[in-house]
Amino acid sequence: MKTNNGNNTRLILLHPYIQKQGGSNRLWLVAFVSFFTVAFLLTLVYTRDSIATTVTAAAASSTSASPMIPKSTVKALLHYASNSNNTERMPYADIKRISDVLRQCAPPCNFLVFGLTPETLLWKALNHNGRTVFIDENRYYAAYVEEKNPEIEAYDVQYTTRMSEMDDLIAAVKEQVHNECRPVQNLLFSDCKLGLNDLPNQLYEVDWDMILVDGPRGYWPEAPGRMAAIFTAGVLARSKKGGNPRTHVFVHDFNRKVDRVTSNEFLCKENLVKSKGKLGHFVLERMDENSFQFCRNHATKSSSSLLASWSSSS
């Protein structure tokens, strides 16, 4: 600092080092504030994404842990809650055995049911990831069920058989086993007396995983009986083109003479997994198209002798 005595003017000089030091401090301050601002923004963004991810995962976990009940299941539960005293329903033990196998069927499971029964909605509900088709002898009842339950796929078929004709029908199959009544064929083009050839064409192309024979009626001699349904189930199971080579075939009212005799002829004793109460459970393998025997043990008893032995043991 220098003093001018003439006019008392004071001149203050700043050393360049002081100016440089002040600018440097300001730069450090700006850098420091910028760093913490960027760090704060990054932390805020990361925390927001983390919270969103956690909420989304929690919502997904909650959804998977508590899936919505399918509409068909709700309808089935309501139906059986209101019909718990129906005397025509299938016994619990039989329902459970069929449902246990149905639950193990890899989706989409193809389930064919002969007969519209009190269990119709249940079979549809239990197979909600697959296809369930019902075949019934009464076209008016089939139309009524479909109208009341649009999710049900049902078709009617005309049975020309009579229970009193069982012996003659089985004999006719044996005579034509190398021709119209082969165990492996497309029944759409067959004239076999026990083969159902008037189903919708597309049903013959389906690889059925399970078949339940619970119809048509078979309680008196002139009733159509289940011979044609059992024969058709055996042919469909053996004629599969793809999918699982095995088909589970259940015959309800297996304790009745005609149903048991026909099952022994066309589903075969060697394929019988279990028979208890009113239910017979068979597992059939896909067969070569040049096969002409329903059962490996071809030397089976005649239907008449089977009926006689069944009567004597009853």
C-alpha atoms as a PDB file:
ATOM      1  CA  MET A   1       0.000   0.000   0.000  1.00  0.00           C
ATOM      2  CA  LYS A   2       1.351   3.458  -0.899  1.00  0.00           C
ATOM      3  CA  THR A   3       0.344   6.968   0.481  1.00  0.00           C
ATOM      4  CA  ASN A   4       0.234  10.176  -1.525  1.00  0.00           C
ATOM      5  CA  ASN A   5       0.756  13.099   0.897  1.00  0.00           C
ATOM      6  CA  GLY A   6      -0.283  15.755  -1.646  1.00  0.00           C
ATOM      7  CA  ASN A   7      -4.009  14.952  -2.067  1.00  0.00           C
ATOM      8  CA  ASN A   8      -4.481  12.399   0.700  1.00  0.00           C
ATOM      9  CA  THR A   9      -5.595   9.824  -1.847  1.00  0.00           C
ATOM     10  CA  ARG A  10      -5.067   6.246  -0.805  1.00  0.00           C
ATOM     11  CA  LEU A  11      -4.431   3.558  -3.332  1.00  0.00           C
ATOM     12  CA  ILE A  12      -5.026  -0.013  -2.273  1.00  0.00           C
ATOM     13  CA  LEU A  13      -3.309  -2.715  -4.286  1.00  0.00           C
ATOM     14  CA  LEU A  14      -4.348  -6.360  -4.048  1.00  0.00           C
ATOM     15  CA  HIS A  15      -1.767  -8.973  -4.610  1.00  0.00           C
ATOM     16  CA  PRO A  16      -2.628 -11.273  -7.547  1.00  0.00           C
ATOM     17  CA  TYR A  17      -2.231 -14.331  -5.296  1.00  0.00           C
ATOM     18  CA  ILE A  18      -5.181 -13.181  -3.149  1.00  0.00           C
ATOM     19  CA  GLN A  19      -7.446 -12.822  -6.216  1.00  0.00           C
ATOM     20  CA  LYS A  20      -6.465 -16.258  -7.482  1.00  0.00           C
ATOM     21  CA  GLN A  21      -7.097 -17.867  -4.102  1.00  0.00           C
ATOM     22  CA  GLY A  22     -10.639 -16.400  -3.866  1.00  0.00           C
ATOM     23  CA  GLY A  23     -11.611 -17.712  -7.352  1.00  0.00           C
ATOM     24  CA  SER A  24     -10.278 -21.133  -6.526  1.00  0.00           C
ATOM     25  CA  ASN A  25     -12.396 -21.336  -3.381  1.00  0.00           C
ATOM     26  CA  ARG A  26     -15.525 -20.474  -5.352  1.00  0.00           C
ATOM     27  CA  LEU A  27     -14.787 -23.219  -7.880  1.00  0.00           C
ATOM     28  CA  TRP A  28     -14.364 -25.786  -5.117  1.00  0.00           C
ATOM     29  CA  LEU A  29     -17.644 -24.645  -3.566  1.00  0.00           C
ATOM     30  CA  VAL A  30     -19.503 -25.008  -6.887  1.00  0.00           C
ATOM     31  CA  ALA A  31     -17.989 -28.462  -7.462  1.00  0.00           C
ATOM     32  CA  PHE A  32     -18.893 -29.548  -3.931  1.00  0.00           C
ATOM     33  CA  VAL A  33     -22.519 -28.455  -4.294  1.00  0.00           C
ATOM     34  CA  SER A  34     -22.806 -30.009  -7.758  1.00  0.00           C
ATOM     35  CA  PHE A  35     -21.483 -33.345  -6.507  1.00  0.00           C
ATOM     36  CA  PHE A  36     -23.985 -33.581  -3.687  1.00  0.00           C
ATOM     37  CA  THR A  37     -26.812 -32.475  -5.986  1.00  0.00           C
ATOM     38  CA  VAL A  38     -26.030 -35.236  -8.478  1.00  0.00           C
ATOM     39  CA  ALA A  39     -25.667 -37.785  -5.654  1.00  0.00           C
ATOM     40  CA  PHE A  40     -29.039 -36.743  -4.224  1.00  0.00           C
ATOM     41  CA  LEU A  41     -30.768 -37.058  -7.595  1.00  0.00           C
ATOM     42  CA  LEU A  42     -29.258 -40.487  -8.234  1.00  0.00           C
ATOM     43  CA  THR A  43     -30.328 -41.679  -4.787  1.00  0.00           C
ATOM     44  CA  LEU A  44     -33.839 -40.368  -5.363  1.00  0.00           C
ATOM     45  CA  VAL A  45     -34.177 -42.116  -8.731  1.00  0.00           C
ATOM     46  CA  TYR A  46     -32.795 -45.404  -7.419  1.00  0.00           C
ATOM     47  CA  THR A  47     -35.057 -45.348  -4.370  1.00  0.00           C
ATOM     48  CA  ARG A  48     -38.127 -44.644  -6.515  1.00  0.00           C
ATOM     49  CA  ASP A  49     -37.341 -47.532  -8.917  1.00  0.00           C
ATOM     50  CA  SER A  50     -36.661 -49.857  -6.008  1.00  0.00           C
ATOM     51  CA  ILE A  51     -39.996 -49.016  -4.386  1.00  0.00           C
ATOM     52  CA  ALA A  52     -41.853 -49.464  -7.688  1.00  0.00           C
ATOM     53  CA  THR A  53     -40.178 -52.841  -8.269  1.00  0.00           C
ATOM     54  CA  THR A  54     -41.020 -53.979  -4.752  1.00  0.00           C
ATOM     55  CA  VAL A  55     -44.658 -52.928  -5.104  1.00  0.00           C
ATOM     56  CA  THR A  56     -44.958 -54.651  -8.500  1.00  0.00           C
ATOM     57  CA  ALA A  57     -43.388 -57.862  -7.178  1.00  0.00           C
ATOM     58  CA  ALA A  58     -45.654 -57.826  -4.149  1.00  0.00           C
ATOM     59  CA  ALA A  59     -48.710 -57.343  -6.341  1.00  0.00           C
ATOM     60  CA  ALA A  60     -47.653 -60.175  -8.658  1.00  0.00           C
ATOM     61  CA  SER A  61     -46.973 -62.432  -5.692  1.00  0.00           C
ATOM     62  CA  SER A  62     -50.359 -61.623  -4.234  1.00  0.00           C
ATOM     63  CA  THR A  63     -52.061 -62.358  -7.566  1.00  0.00           C
ATOM     64  CA  SER A  64     -50.291 -65.692  -8.059  1.00  0.00           C
ATOM     65  CA  ALA A  65     -50.932 -66.741  -4.485  1.00  0.00           C
ATOM     66  CA  SER A  66     -54.640 -65.919  -4.719  1.00  0.00           C
ATOM     67  CA  PRO A  67     -55.800 -66.592  -8.309  1.00  0.00           C
ATOM     68  CA  MET A  68     -59.388 -65.903  -9.241  1.00  0.00           C
ATOM     69  CA  ILE A  69     -61.656 -68.937  -9.143  1.00  0.00           C
ATOM     70  CA  PRO A  70     -62.776 -69.852 -12.677  1.00  0.00           C
ATOM     71  CA  LYS A  71     -66.414 -69.096 -13.417  1.00  0.00           C
ATOM     72  CA  SER A  72     -67.076 -72.749 -14.232  1.00  0.00           C
ATOM     73  CA  THR A  73     -65.824 -73.760 -10.773  1.00  0.00           C
ATOM     74  CA  VAL A  74     -68.071 -71.240  -9.069  1.00  0.00           C
ATOM     75  CA  LYS A  75     -71.080 -72.537 -11.000  1.00  0.00           C
ATOM     76  CA  ALA A  76     -70.217 -76.126 -10.122  1.00  0.00           C
ATOM     77  CA  LEU A  77     -69.898 -75.342  -6.418  1.00  0.00           C
ATOM     78  CA  LEU A  78     -73.236 -73.522  -6.403  1.00  0.00           C
ATOM     79  CA  HIS A  79     -74.848 -76.370  -8.341  1.00  0.00           C
ATOM     80  CA  TYR A  80     -73.728 -79.085  -5.945  1.00  0.00           C
ATOM     81  CA  ALA A  81     -74.483 -76.995  -2.895  1.00  0.00           C
ATOM     82  CA  SER A  82     -78.100 -76.782  -4.069  1.00  0.00           C
ATOM     83  CA  ASN A  83     -78.333 -80.445  -5.131  1.00  0.00           C
ATOM     84  CA  SER A  84     -76.593 -82.170  -2.257  1.00  0.00           C
ATOM     85  CA  ASN A  85     -79.604 -84.477  -1.705  1.00  0.00           C
ATOM     86  CA  ASN A  86     -79.828 -85.679  -5.332  1.00  0.00           C
ATOM     87  CA  THR A  87     -80.087 -89.469  -5.153  1.00  0.00           C
ATOM     88  CA  GLU A  88     -78.889 -89.924  -8.761  1.00  0.00           C
ATOM     89  CA  ARG A  89     -75.466 -88.431  -8.182  1.00  0.00           C
ATOM     90  CA  MET A  90     -72.272 -90.463  -8.366  1.00  0.00           C
ATOM     91  CA  PRO A  91     -70.850 -91.701  -5.025  1.00  0.00           C
ATOM     92  CA  TYR A  92     -68.039 -89.643  -3.521  1.00  0.00           C
ATOM     93  CA  ALA A  93     -65.480 -92.449  -3.842  1.00  0.00           C
ATOM     94  CA  ASP A  94     -66.113 -92.744  -7.594  1.00  0.00           C
ATOM     95  CA  ILE A  95     -65.976 -88.976  -8.124  1.00  0.00           C
ATOM     96  CA  LYS A  96     -62.712 -88.728  -6.218  1.00  0.00           C
ATOM     97  CA  ARG A  97     -61.017 -91.473  -8.222  1.00  0.00           C
ATOM     98  CA  ILE A  98     -61.945 -89.840 -11.525  1.00  0.00           C
ATOM     99  CA  SER A  99     -61.009 -86.360 -10.311  1.00  0.00           C
ATOM    100  CA  ASP A 100     -57.627 -87.607  -9.019  1.00  0.00           C
ATOM    101  CA  VAL A 101     -56.734 -88.905 -12.477  1.00  0.00           C
ATOM    102  CA  LEU A 102     -58.128 -85.766 -14.124  1.00  0.00           C
ATOM    103  CA  ARG A 103     -55.939 -83.548 -11.934  1.00  0.00           C
ATOM    104  CA  GLN A 104     -52.859 -85.480 -13.065  1.00  0.00           C
ATOM    105  CA  CYS A 105     -53.733 -85.114 -16.749  1.00  0.00           C
ATOM    106  CA  ALA A 106     -51.269 -82.741 -18.423  1.00  0.00           C
ATOM    107  CA  PRO A 107     -53.073 -79.661 -19.783  1.00  0.00           C
ATOM    108  CA  PRO A 108     -54.693 -79.214 -22.137  1.00  0.00           C
ATOM    109  CA  CYS A 109     -56.503 -82.426 -21.222  1.00  0.00           C
ATOM    110  CA  ASN A 110     -59.069 -83.909 -23.621  1.00  0.00           C
ATOM    111  CA  PHE A 111     -61.917 -85.471 -21.655  1.00  0.00           C
ATOM    112  CA  LEU A 112     -64.817 -87.269 -23.380  1.00  0.00           C
ATOM    113  CA  VAL A 113     -67.917 -88.074 -21.314  1.00  0.00           C
ATOM    114  CA  PHE A 114     -70.795 -90.274 -22.442  1.00  0.00           C
ATOM    115  CA  GLY A 115     -73.866 -89.044 -20.593  1.00  0.00           C
ATOM    116  CA  LEU A 116     -75.133 -85.735 -19.206  1.00  0.00           C
ATOM    117  CA  THR A 117     -75.405 -86.421 -15.490  1.00  0.00           C
ATOM    118  CA  PRO A 118     -75.555 -84.499 -12.194  1.00  0.00           C
ATOM    119  CA  GLU A 119     -71.730 -84.375 -12.374  1.00  0.00           C
ATOM    120  CA  THR A 120     -71.595 -82.573 -15.730  1.00  0.00           C
ATOM    121  CA  LEU A 121     -70.675 -79.154 -14.330  1.00  0.00           C
ATOM    122  CA  LEU A 122     -68.127 -80.740 -12.016  1.00  0.00           C
ATOM    123  CA  TRP A 123     -66.226 -82.470 -14.833  1.00  0.00           C
ATOM    124  CA  LYS A 124     -66.174 -79.223 -16.790  1.00  0.00           C
ATOM    125  CA  ALA A 125     -64.922 -77.261 -13.773  1.00  0.00           C
ATOM    126  CA  LEU A 126     -62.196 -79.759 -12.852  1.00  0.00           C
ATOM    127  CA  ASN A 127     -60.877 -79.689 -16.421  1.00  0.00           C
ATOM    128  CA  HIS A 128     -60.981 -75.889 -16.799  1.00  0.00           C
ATOM    129  CA  ASN A 129     -57.633 -75.822 -18.645  1.00  0.00           C
ATOM    130  CA  GLY A 130     -58.682 -78.523 -21.088  1.00  0.00           C
ATOM    131  CA  ARG A 131     -61.525 -79.590 -23.335  1.00  0.00           C
ATOM    132  CA  THR A 132     -64.491 -81.545 -21.995  1.00  0.00           C
ATOM    133  CA  VAL A 133     -67.084 -82.902 -24.440  1.00  0.00           C
ATOM    134  CA  PHE A 134     -70.370 -84.564 -23.481  1.00  0.00           C
ATOM    135  CA  ILE A 135     -72.338 -87.057 -25.577  1.00  0.00           C
ATOM    136  CA  ASP A 136     -75.975 -87.730 -24.698  1.00  0.00           C
ATOM    137  CA  GLU A 137     -78.837 -89.737 -26.165  1.00  0.00           C
ATOM    138  CA  ASN A 138     -81.428 -86.988 -25.624  1.00  0.00           C
ATOM    139  CA  ARG A 139     -81.087 -84.118 -28.098  1.00  0.00           C
ATOM    140  CA  TYR A 140     -83.578 -81.956 -26.213  1.00  0.00           C
ATOM    141  CA  TYR A 141     -81.786 -82.338 -22.908  1.00  0.00           C
ATOM    142  CA  ALA A 142     -78.408 -81.681 -24.564  1.00  0.00           C
ATOM    143  CA  ALA A 143     -79.805 -78.458 -26.065  1.00  0.00           C
ATOM    144  CA  TYR A 144     -81.275 -77.464 -22.685  1.00  0.00           C
ATOM    145  CA  VAL A 145     -77.984 -78.005 -20.864  1.00  0.00           C
ATOM    146  CA  GLU A 146     -76.061 -75.983 -23.468  1.00  0.00           C
ATOM    147  CA  GLU A 147     -78.592 -73.154 -23.321  1.00  0.00           C
ATOM    148  CA  LYS A 148     -78.445 -73.000 -19.554  1.00  0.00           C
ATOM    149  CA  ASN A 149     -74.663 -73.444 -19.441  1.00  0.00           C
ATOM    150  CA  PRO A 150     -73.068 -71.932 -22.578  1.00  0.00           C
ATOM    151  CA  GLU A 151     -69.630 -73.124 -21.525  1.00  0.00           C
ATOM    152  CA  ILE A 152     -70.729 -76.772 -21.864  1.00  0.00           C
ATOM    153  CA  GLU A 153     -69.940 -78.528 -25.164  1.00  0.00           C
ATOM    154  CA  ALA A 154     -72.554 -81.235 -25.679  1.00  0.00           C
ATOM    155  CA  TYR A 155     -73.743 -83.297 -28.662  1.00  0.00           C
ATOM    156  CA  ASP A 156     -76.543 -85.789 -29.090  1.00  0.00           C
ATOM    157  CA  VAL A 157     -76.226 -89.230 -30.651  1.00  0.00           C
ATOM    158  CA  GLN A 158     -78.816 -91.794 -31.693  1.00  0.00           C
ATOM    159  CA  TYR A 159     -78.257 -95.260 -30.197  1.00  0.00           C
ATOM    160  CA  THR A 160     -79.745 -98.131 -32.179  1.00  0.00           C
ATOM    161  CA  THR A 161     -78.766-100.910 -29.761  1.00  0.00           C
ATOM    162  CA  ARG A 162     -80.869-102.739 -27.168  1.00  0.00           C
ATOM    163  CA  MET A 163     -79.559-104.403 -24.046  1.00  0.00           C
ATOM    164  CA  SER A 164     -81.414-107.578 -24.922  1.00  0.00           C
ATOM    165  CA  GLU A 165     -79.325-107.820 -28.120  1.00  0.00           C
ATOM    166  CA  MET A 166     -75.952-107.821 -26.369  1.00  0.00           C
ATOM    167  CA  ASP A 167     -74.961-111.398 -27.301  1.00  0.00           C
ATOM    168  CA  ASP A 168     -75.765-110.889 -30.977  1.00  0.00           C
ATOM    169  CA  LEU A 169     -73.976-107.532 -31.103  1.00  0.00           C
ATOM    170  CA  ILE A 170     -70.783-108.914 -29.558  1.00  0.00           C
ATOM    171  CA  ALA A 171     -70.892-111.875 -31.943  1.00  0.00           C
ATOM    172  CA  ALA A 172     -71.276-109.477 -34.897  1.00  0.00           C
ATOM    173  CA  VAL A 173     -68.181-107.530 -33.777  1.00  0.00           C
ATOM    174  CA  LYS A 174     -66.111-110.698 -33.604  1.00  0.00           C
ATOM    175  CA  GLU A 175     -67.178-111.654 -37.126  1.00  0.00           C
ATOM    176  CA  GLN A 176     -66.171-108.218 -38.469  1.00  0.00           C
ATOM    177  CA  VAL A 177     -63.068-107.669 -36.345  1.00  0.00           C
ATOM    178  CA  HIS A 178     -60.849-107.703 -39.466  1.00  0.00           C
ATOM    179  CA  ASN A 179     -63.136-105.348 -41.356  1.00  0.00           C
ATOM    180  CA  GLU A 180     -65.824-102.937 -40.079  1.00  0.00           C
ATOM    181  CA  CYS A 181     -65.224-103.588 -36.371  1.00  0.00           C
ATOM    182  CA  ARG A 182     -61.430-103.269 -36.221  1.00  0.00           C
ATOM    183  CA  PRO A 183     -59.991-102.061 -32.873  1.00  0.00           C
ATOM    184  CA  VAL A 184     -58.008 -99.344 -34.688  1.00  0.00           C
ATOM    185  CA  GLN A 185     -59.945 -97.207 -37.183  1.00  0.00           C
ATOM    186  CA  ASN A 186     -61.796 -93.973 -37.779  1.00  0.00           C
ATOM    187  CA  LEU A 187     -65.357 -94.868 -36.799  1.00  0.00           C
ATOM    188  CA  LEU A 188     -66.712 -92.053 -38.929  1.00  0.00           C
ATOM    189  CA  PHE A 189     -66.346 -94.383 -41.927  1.00  0.00           C
ATOM    190  CA  SER A 190     -67.387 -97.584 -40.139  1.00  0.00           C
ATOM    191  CA  ASP A 191     -70.596 -99.588 -40.379  1.00  0.00           C
ATOM    192  CA  CYS A 192     -69.887-101.657 -37.281  1.00  0.00           C
ATOM    193  CA  LYS A 193     -73.120-102.199 -35.339  1.00  0.00           C
ATOM    194  CA  LEU A 194     -71.508-101.143 -32.060  1.00  0.00           C
ATOM    195  CA  GLY A 195     -69.517 -98.227 -33.471  1.00  0.00           C
ATOM    196  CA  LEU A 196     -70.868 -94.688 -33.110  1.00  0.00           C
ATOM    197  CA  ASN A 197     -70.325 -93.102 -36.524  1.00  0.00           C
ATOM    198  CA  ASP A 198     -72.622 -90.066 -36.271  1.00  0.00           C
ATOM    199  CA  LEU A 199     -70.617 -87.922 -33.868  1.00  0.00           C
ATOM    200  CA  PRO A 200     -69.294 -84.566 -35.131  1.00  0.00           C
ATOM    201  CA  ASN A 201     -66.443 -85.324 -37.542  1.00  0.00           C
ATOM    202  CA  GLN A 202     -63.826 -83.391 -35.557  1.00  0.00           C
ATOM    203  CA  LEU A 203     -64.323 -85.559 -32.454  1.00  0.00           C
ATOM    204  CA  TYR A 204     -62.824 -88.580 -34.230  1.00  0.00           C
ATOM    205  CA  GLU A 205     -59.580 -86.642 -34.735  1.00  0.00           C
ATOM    206  CA  VAL A 206     -59.114 -85.706 -31.066  1.00  0.00           C
ATOM    207  CA  ASP A 207     -56.531 -87.598 -29.012  1.00  0.00           C
ATOM    208  CA  TRP A 208     -58.627 -88.277 -25.925  1.00  0.00           C
ATOM    209  CA  ASP A 209     -56.698 -88.484 -22.649  1.00  0.00           C
ATOM    210  CA  MET A 210     -59.687 -89.604 -20.565  1.00  0.00           C
ATOM    211  CA  ILE A 211     -63.042 -91.160 -21.415  1.00  0.00           C
ATOM    212  CA  LEU A 212     -65.909 -91.660 -18.977  1.00  0.00           C
ATOM    213  CA  VAL A 213     -68.816 -93.943 -19.899  1.00  0.00           C
ATOM    214  CA  ASP A 214     -71.763 -92.893 -17.736  1.00  0.00           C
ATOM    215  CA  GLY A 215     -74.517 -93.151 -20.325  1.00  0.00           C
ATOM    216  CA  PRO A 216     -76.793 -93.903 -22.030  1.00  0.00           C
ATOM    217  CA  ARG A 217     -79.548 -95.551 -20.002  1.00  0.00           C
ATOM    218  CA  GLY A 218     -79.319 -99.252 -19.309  1.00  0.00           C
ATOM    219  CA  TYR A 219     -81.831-100.330 -16.706  1.00  0.00           C
ATOM    220  CA  TRP A 220     -84.280-102.465 -18.723  1.00  0.00           C
ATOM    221  CA  PRO A 221     -84.023-104.868 -21.699  1.00  0.00           C
ATOM    222  CA  GLU A 222     -85.187-102.368 -24.319  1.00  0.00           C
ATOM    223  CA  ALA A 223     -82.870 -99.614 -23.118  1.00  0.00           C
ATOM    224  CA  PRO A 224     -79.953 -98.786 -25.449  1.00  0.00           C
ATOM    225  CA  GLY A 225     -77.377 -99.837 -22.855  1.00  0.00           C
ATOM    226  CA  ARG A 226     -73.726 -98.821 -22.906  1.00  0.00           C
ATOM    227  CA  MET A 227     -72.318-101.451 -25.262  1.00  0.00           C
ATOM    228  CA  ALA A 228     -71.835 -98.963 -28.117  1.00  0.00           C
ATOM    229  CA  ALA A 229     -70.315 -96.321 -25.840  1.00  0.00           C
ATOM    230  CA  ILE A 230     -67.858 -98.843 -24.368  1.00  0.00           C
ATOM    231  CA  PHE A 231     -66.908-100.218 -27.795  1.00  0.00           C
ATOM    232  CA  THR A 232     -66.435 -96.698 -29.182  1.00  0.00           C
ATOM    233  CA  ALA A 233     -64.307 -95.693 -26.176  1.00  0.00           C
ATOM    234  CA  GLY A 234     -62.064 -98.694 -26.778  1.00  0.00           C
ATOM    235  CA  VAL A 235     -61.593 -97.848 -30.467  1.00  0.00           C
ATOM    236  CA  LEU A 236     -60.942 -94.134 -29.827  1.00  0.00           C
ATOM    237  CA  ALA A 237     -58.321 -94.964 -27.199  1.00  0.00           C
ATOM    238  CA  ARG A 238     -56.472 -97.435 -29.420  1.00  0.00           C
ATOM    239  CA  SER A 239     -56.644 -95.223 -32.535  1.00  0.00           C
ATOM    240  CA  LYS A 240     -54.886 -92.123 -31.142  1.00  0.00           C
ATOM    241  CA  LYS A 241     -52.452 -90.475 -33.552  1.00  0.00           C
ATOM    242  CA  GLY A 242     -50.511 -88.347 -31.065  1.00  0.00           C
ATOM    243  CA  GLY A 243     -50.396 -87.074 -27.511  1.00  0.00           C
ATOM    244  CA  ASN A 244     -50.091 -89.459 -24.587  1.00  0.00           C
ATOM    245  CA  PRO A 245     -50.188 -93.041 -25.883  1.00  0.00           C
ATOM    246  CA  ARG A 246     -52.284 -94.059 -22.871  1.00  0.00           C
ATOM    247  CA  THR A 247     -55.966 -93.316 -22.326  1.00  0.00           C
ATOM    248  CA  HIS A 248     -57.815 -93.684 -19.026  1.00  0.00           C
ATOM    249  CA  VAL A 249     -61.272 -95.162 -19.556  1.00  0.00           C
ATOM    250  CA  PHE A 250     -63.778 -95.190 -16.695  1.00  0.00           C
ATOM    251  CA  VAL A 251     -66.997 -97.205 -16.813  1.00  0.00           C
ATOM    252  CA  HIS A 252     -69.595 -96.189 -14.273  1.00  0.00           C
ATOM    253  CA  ASP A 253     -72.155 -98.743 -13.103  1.00  0.00           C
ATOM    254  CA  PHE A 254     -69.483-101.331 -13.773  1.00  0.00           C
ATOM    255  CA  ASN A 255     -71.278-103.572 -11.288  1.00  0.00           C
ATOM    256  CA  ARG A 256     -74.060-104.132 -13.814  1.00  0.00           C
ATOM    257  CA  LYS A 257     -73.796-107.334 -15.832  1.00  0.00           C
ATOM    258  CA  VAL A 258     -73.984-105.938 -19.368  1.00  0.00           C
ATOM    259  CA  ASP A 259     -71.493-103.155 -18.666  1.00  0.00           C
ATOM    260  CA  ARG A 260     -68.980-105.526 -17.123  1.00  0.00           C
ATOM    261  CA  VAL A 261     -69.285-108.131 -19.892  1.00  0.00           C
ATOM    262  CA  THR A 262     -68.931-105.525 -22.648  1.00  0.00           C
ATOM    263  CA  SER A 263     -65.950-103.949 -20.877  1.00  0.00           C
ATOM    264  CA  ASN A 264     -64.228-107.312 -20.611  1.00  0.00           C
ATOM    265  CA  GLU A 265     -64.730-107.843 -24.348  1.00  0.00           C
ATOM    266  CA  PHE A 266     -63.559-104.433 -25.653  1.00  0.00           C
ATOM    267  CA  LEU A 267     -61.555-102.791 -22.851  1.00  0.00           C
ATOM    268  CA  CYS A 268     -60.045-106.088 -21.660  1.00  0.00           C
ATOM    269  CA  LYS A 269     -59.246-107.497 -18.249  1.00  0.00           C
ATOM    270  CA  GLU A 270     -55.502-107.021 -18.684  1.00  0.00           C
ATOM    271  CA  ASN A 271     -56.131-103.260 -18.916  1.00  0.00           C
ATOM    272  CA  LEU A 272     -58.243-103.106 -15.767  1.00  0.00           C
ATOM    273  CA  VAL A 273     -56.445-100.978 -13.167  1.00  0.00           C
ATOM    274  CA  LYS A 274     -59.061-101.099 -10.445  1.00  0.00           C
ATOM    275  CA  SER A 275     -62.648-102.137  -9.954  1.00  0.00           C
ATOM    276  CA  LYS A 276     -64.408-101.045  -6.811  1.00  0.00           C
ATOM    277  CA  GLY A 277     -68.030-100.393  -6.149  1.00  0.00           C
ATOM    278  CA  LYS A 278     -69.712 -99.049  -9.280  1.00  0.00           C
ATOM    279  CA  LEU A 279     -66.570 -97.867 -11.080  1.00  0.00           C
ATOM    280  CA  GLY A 280     -64.218 -99.720 -13.391  1.00  0.00           C
ATOM    281  CA  HIS A 281     -60.926 -98.027 -14.322  1.00  0.00           C
ATOM    282  CA  PHE A 282     -59.024 -99.149 -17.437  1.00  0.00           C
ATOM    283  CA  VAL A 283     -55.849 -97.811 -19.047  1.00  0.00           C
ATOM    284  CA  LEU A 284     -55.558 -98.568 -22.776  1.00  0.00           C
ATOM    285  CA  GLU A 285     -52.469 -98.222 -24.949  1.00  0.00           C
ATOM    286  CA  ARG A 286     -52.373 -96.897 -28.482  1.00  0.00           C
ATOM    287  CA  MET A 287     -52.217 -99.796 -30.965  1.00  0.00           C
ATOM    288  CA  ASP A 288     -50.831-100.330 -34.444  1.00  0.00           C
ATOM    289  CA  GLU A 289     -53.360 -99.899 -37.236  1.00  0.00           C
ATOM    290  CA  ASN A 290     -52.767-103.488 -38.352  1.00  0.00           C
ATOM    291  CA  SER A 291     -53.952-104.889 -35.003  1.00  0.00           C
ATOM    292  CA  PHE A 292     -57.075-107.039 -35.130  1.00  0.00           C
ATOM    293  CA  GLN A 293     -57.472-108.164 -31.525  1.00  0.00           C
ATOM    294  CA  PHE A 294     -58.999-106.080 -28.775  1.00  0.00           C
ATOM    295  CA  CYS A 295     -57.438-108.161 -26.012  1.00  0.00           C
ATOM    296  CA  ARG A 296     -54.071-109.929 -25.840  1.00  0.00           C
ATOM    297  CA  ASN A 297     -55.765-112.939 -24.263  1.00  0.00           C
ATOM    298  CA  HIS A 298     -57.917-113.725 -27.267  1.00  0.00           C
ATOM    299  CA  ALA A 299     -59.187-116.979 -25.828  1.00  0.00           C
ATOM    300  CA  THR A 300     -61.803-115.243 -23.686  1.00  0.00           C
ATOM    301  CA  LYS A 301     -65.072-116.681 -22.590  1.00  0.00           C
ATOM    302  CA  SER A 302     -68.203-116.006 -24.577  1.00  0.00           C
ATOM    303  CA  SER A 303     -70.526-113.271 -23.381  1.00  0.00           C
ATOM    304  CA  SER A 304     -73.104-115.870 -22.335  1.00  0.00           C
ATOM    305  CA  SER A 305     -70.636-117.761 -20.160  1.00  0.00           C
ATOM    306  CA  LEU A 306     -69.405-114.501 -18.668  1.00  0.00           C
ATOM    307  CA  LEU A 307     -72.963-113.578 -17.784  1.00  0.00           C
ATOM    308  CA  ALA A 308     -73.524-117.001 -16.259  1.00  0.00           C
ATOM    309  CA  SER A 309     -70.352-116.808 -14.147  1.00  0.00           C
ATOM    310  CA  TRP A 310     -71.217-113.262 -13.070  1.00  0.00           C
ATOM    311  CA  SER A 311     -74.731-114.349 -12.059  1.00  0.00           C
ATOM    312  CA  SER A 312     -73.399-117.261 -10.018  1.00  0.00           C
ATOM    313  CA  SER A 313     -70.914-115.045  -8.188  1.00  0.00           C
ATOM    314  CA  SER A 314     -73.471-112.307  -7.472  1.00  0.00           C
END
